[in-house]
Amino acid sequence: MKIIGTGFIAGHLERIQIDCPDVVAVAAGVGDSACSNKREFFQERQLLQQTIARNRHCRIVYFSSGGRVYGDWHGWRDEQTPCRPTTQYGRHKLACENLIRESDCRHLIVRLPNLVGPKQNPVQLIPALVRQIQSGRVHILEGATRDLLGIDRLVSILE
């Protein structure tokens, strides 16, 4: 498998070296769901377009977002759940998914929950909570829920 990216997901995929020469994993792009930077969104779309154009014979694996793509949806979500993103990030990820679907490439779009594991981006949920706990001041959002998935589980599922 060819891996595009150098971040959290890409680093963990590199460890296992999946023997699938016809698969390209796009593990690069905007990873912070609070992002609203149009330049970062543009760069990810451009990378995705180039990847699709250069790898027409391959299957593209794209890591999208779960919650931000669905928007304010309470309860169970699956592929049939309507997408109603309420943030720029959610709209961007949905647009990237549509770009892939509208191309003629084979693909797998993976809508991820909050990933957790070693070498995680410090702005993500668990590292932010750990910092709050270490500081002695934790901000609690009553009724908030999050879906979590260990990075090792994601890697094992893909493998």
Protein backbone atom coordinates (compact mmCIF):
# COMPACT_ATOMS: atom_id res chain seq x y z
CA MET A 1 0.00 0.00 0.00
CA LYS A 2 1.23 3.45 -0.88
CA ILE A 3 0.67 5.91 1.97
CA ILE A 4 0.32 9.63 1.33
CA GLY A 5 0.95 11.66 4.45
CA THR A 6 3.25 11.87 7.44
CA GLY A 7 0.85 12.44 10.33
CA PHE A 8 -0.81 10.33 12.98
CA ILE A 9 -2.68 7.85 10.74
CA ALA A 10 0.08 7.63 8.13
CA GLY A 11 2.72 6.93 10.78
CA HIS A 12 0.74 4.04 12.20
CA LEU A 13 -0.05 2.62 8.74
CA GLU A 14 3.68 2.70 7.90
CA ARG A 15 4.35 0.28 10.77
CA ILE A 16 2.44 -2.60 9.22
CA GLN A 17 3.45 -2.37 5.56
CA ILE A 18 0.26 -3.83 4.05
CA ASP A 19 1.10 -5.71 0.85
CA CYS A 20 -1.47 -4.15 -1.50
CA PRO A 21 0.37 -2.39 -4.32
CA ASP A 22 -2.93 -1.30 -5.90
CA VAL A 23 -4.09 0.65 -2.82
CA VAL A 24 -3.29 4.30 -2.09
CA ALA A 25 -4.15 5.53 1.42
CA VAL A 26 -4.66 9.29 1.58
CA ALA A 27 -3.69 9.95 5.20
CA ALA A 28 -2.94 13.63 4.71
CA GLY A 29 -4.90 16.81 4.86
CA VAL A 30 -6.85 18.77 7.42
CA GLY A 31 -6.87 16.84 10.68
CA ASP A 32 -8.26 19.46 13.05
CA SER A 33 -12.06 19.58 13.06
CA ALA A 34 -11.93 23.16 14.39
CA CYS A 35 -10.10 24.29 11.24
CA SER A 36 -11.71 26.97 9.07
CA ASN A 37 -8.64 27.85 7.00
CA LYS A 38 -9.64 27.93 3.32
CA ARG A 39 -6.02 27.52 2.21
CA GLU A 40 -5.69 24.25 4.13
CA PHE A 41 -8.96 23.01 2.63
CA PHE A 42 -7.78 23.98 -0.86
CA GLN A 43 -4.47 22.16 -0.36
CA GLU A 44 -6.23 18.95 0.70
CA ARG A 45 -8.63 19.08 -2.27
CA GLN A 46 -5.70 19.70 -4.61
CA LEU A 47 -3.76 16.76 -3.14
CA LEU A 48 -6.83 14.57 -3.52
CA GLN A 49 -7.37 15.59 -7.15
CA GLN A 50 -3.71 14.90 -7.97
CA THR A 51 -3.83 11.54 -6.18
CA ILE A 52 -6.93 10.48 -8.12
CA ALA A 53 -5.41 11.61 -11.44
CA ARG A 54 -2.12 9.79 -10.83
CA ASN A 55 -3.62 6.58 -9.48
CA ARG A 56 -6.58 5.74 -11.74
CA HIS A 57 -5.66 2.04 -11.63
CA CYS A 58 -5.61 1.94 -7.82
CA ARG A 59 -8.16 1.88 -5.03
CA ILE A 60 -8.09 5.13 -3.06
CA VAL A 61 -8.64 4.91 0.70
CA TYR A 62 -9.71 8.29 2.09
CA PHE A 63 -10.00 9.07 5.79
CA SER A 64 -12.89 11.42 6.39
CA SER A 65 -14.69 12.62 9.50
CA GLY A 66 -17.60 11.01 11.26
CA GLY A 67 -19.38 13.51 13.45
CA ARG A 68 -18.56 16.68 11.51
CA VAL A 69 -19.89 15.24 8.25
CA TYR A 70 -23.22 14.26 9.81
CA GLY A 71 -23.64 17.52 11.72
CA ASP A 72 -26.05 17.76 14.63
CA TRP A 73 -27.32 14.20 14.59
CA HIS A 74 -28.14 12.38 17.79
CA GLY A 75 -28.09 8.62 17.93
CA TRP A 76 -26.70 5.89 15.74
CA ARG A 77 -25.17 6.89 12.38
CA ASP A 78 -24.35 4.77 9.36
CA GLU A 79 -23.91 5.17 5.60
CA GLN A 80 -27.63 5.89 5.19
CA THR A 81 -27.72 8.72 7.75
CA PRO A 82 -28.24 12.09 6.03
CA CYS A 83 -25.20 14.36 6.00
CA ARG A 84 -25.90 17.87 7.27
CA PRO A 85 -22.52 19.34 8.21
CA THR A 86 -22.70 22.52 10.29
CA THR A 87 -19.01 23.49 10.16
CA GLN A 88 -16.64 24.49 7.36
CA TYR A 89 -14.55 21.43 8.18
CA GLY A 90 -17.56 19.10 7.88
CA ARG A 91 -18.61 20.66 4.55
CA HIS A 92 -15.02 20.38 3.31
CA LYS A 93 -14.74 16.68 4.21
CA LEU A 94 -18.09 15.93 2.55
CA ALA A 95 -16.93 17.81 -0.58
CA CYS A 96 -13.75 15.68 -0.62
CA GLU A 97 -15.85 12.51 -0.33
CA ASN A 98 -18.00 13.69 -3.25
CA LEU A 99 -14.91 14.48 -5.32
CA ILE A 100 -13.80 10.87 -4.89
CA ARG A 101 -17.27 9.42 -5.56
CA GLU A 102 -17.64 11.47 -8.75
CA SER A 103 -14.29 10.27 -10.08
CA ASP A 104 -14.04 6.92 -11.81
CA CYS A 105 -11.58 5.48 -9.29
CA ARG A 106 -12.28 2.55 -7.01
CA HIS A 107 -12.39 3.81 -3.47
CA LEU A 108 -13.07 3.27 0.20
CA ILE A 109 -14.14 6.27 2.26
CA VAL A 110 -13.62 5.74 5.98
CA ARG A 111 -15.60 8.08 8.24
CA LEU A 112 -13.61 8.06 11.42
CA PRO A 113 -14.61 8.74 15.00
CA ASN A 114 -12.10 10.35 17.37
CA LEU A 115 -8.90 8.34 17.08
CA VAL A 116 -6.71 7.76 20.11
CA GLY A 117 -3.19 6.45 20.46
CA PRO A 118 0.52 7.22 20.73
CA LYS A 119 1.94 10.27 18.92
CA GLN A 120 -1.50 11.81 18.52
CA ASN A 121 -2.02 15.41 17.40
CA PRO A 122 -2.07 17.56 20.59
CA VAL A 123 -5.22 19.44 19.47
CA GLN A 124 -7.29 16.25 19.36
CA LEU A 125 -9.73 15.20 22.06
CA ILE A 126 -7.76 12.87 24.33
CA PRO A 127 -4.50 14.89 24.44
CA ALA A 128 -6.57 18.02 25.15
CA LEU A 129 -8.38 16.27 28.01
CA VAL A 130 -5.08 14.98 29.43
CA ARG A 131 -3.67 18.53 29.39
CA GLN A 132 -6.76 19.78 31.21
CA ILE A 133 -6.45 17.07 33.85
CA GLN A 134 -2.74 17.81 34.31
CA SER A 135 -3.49 21.52 34.71
CA GLY A 136 -6.07 20.75 37.41
CA ARG A 137 -8.82 22.50 35.48
CA VAL A 138 -11.22 20.43 33.36
CA HIS A 139 -14.01 21.93 31.25
CA ILE A 140 -17.03 19.59 31.30
CA LEU A 141 -19.71 19.72 28.63
CA GLU A 142 -22.77 18.16 30.18
CA GLY A 143 -24.35 15.52 27.95
CA ALA A 144 -21.45 15.50 25.48
CA THR A 145 -20.54 12.15 23.97
CA ARG A 146 -17.77 11.04 21.64
CA ASP A 147 -17.06 7.88 19.71
CA LEU A 148 -13.46 6.72 20.22
CA LEU A 149 -11.38 4.25 18.23
CA GLY A 150 -7.84 3.19 19.08
CA ILE A 151 -5.43 3.77 16.19
CA ASP A 152 -4.23 0.17 16.53
CA ARG A 153 -7.83 -1.05 15.93
CA LEU A 154 -8.11 1.11 12.81
CA VAL A 155 -4.82 -0.27 11.50
CA SER A 156 -5.92 -3.84 12.25
CA ILE A 157 -9.27 -3.30 10.49
CA LEU A 158 -7.54 -1.94 7.39
CA GLU A 159 -5.01 -4.73 7.43
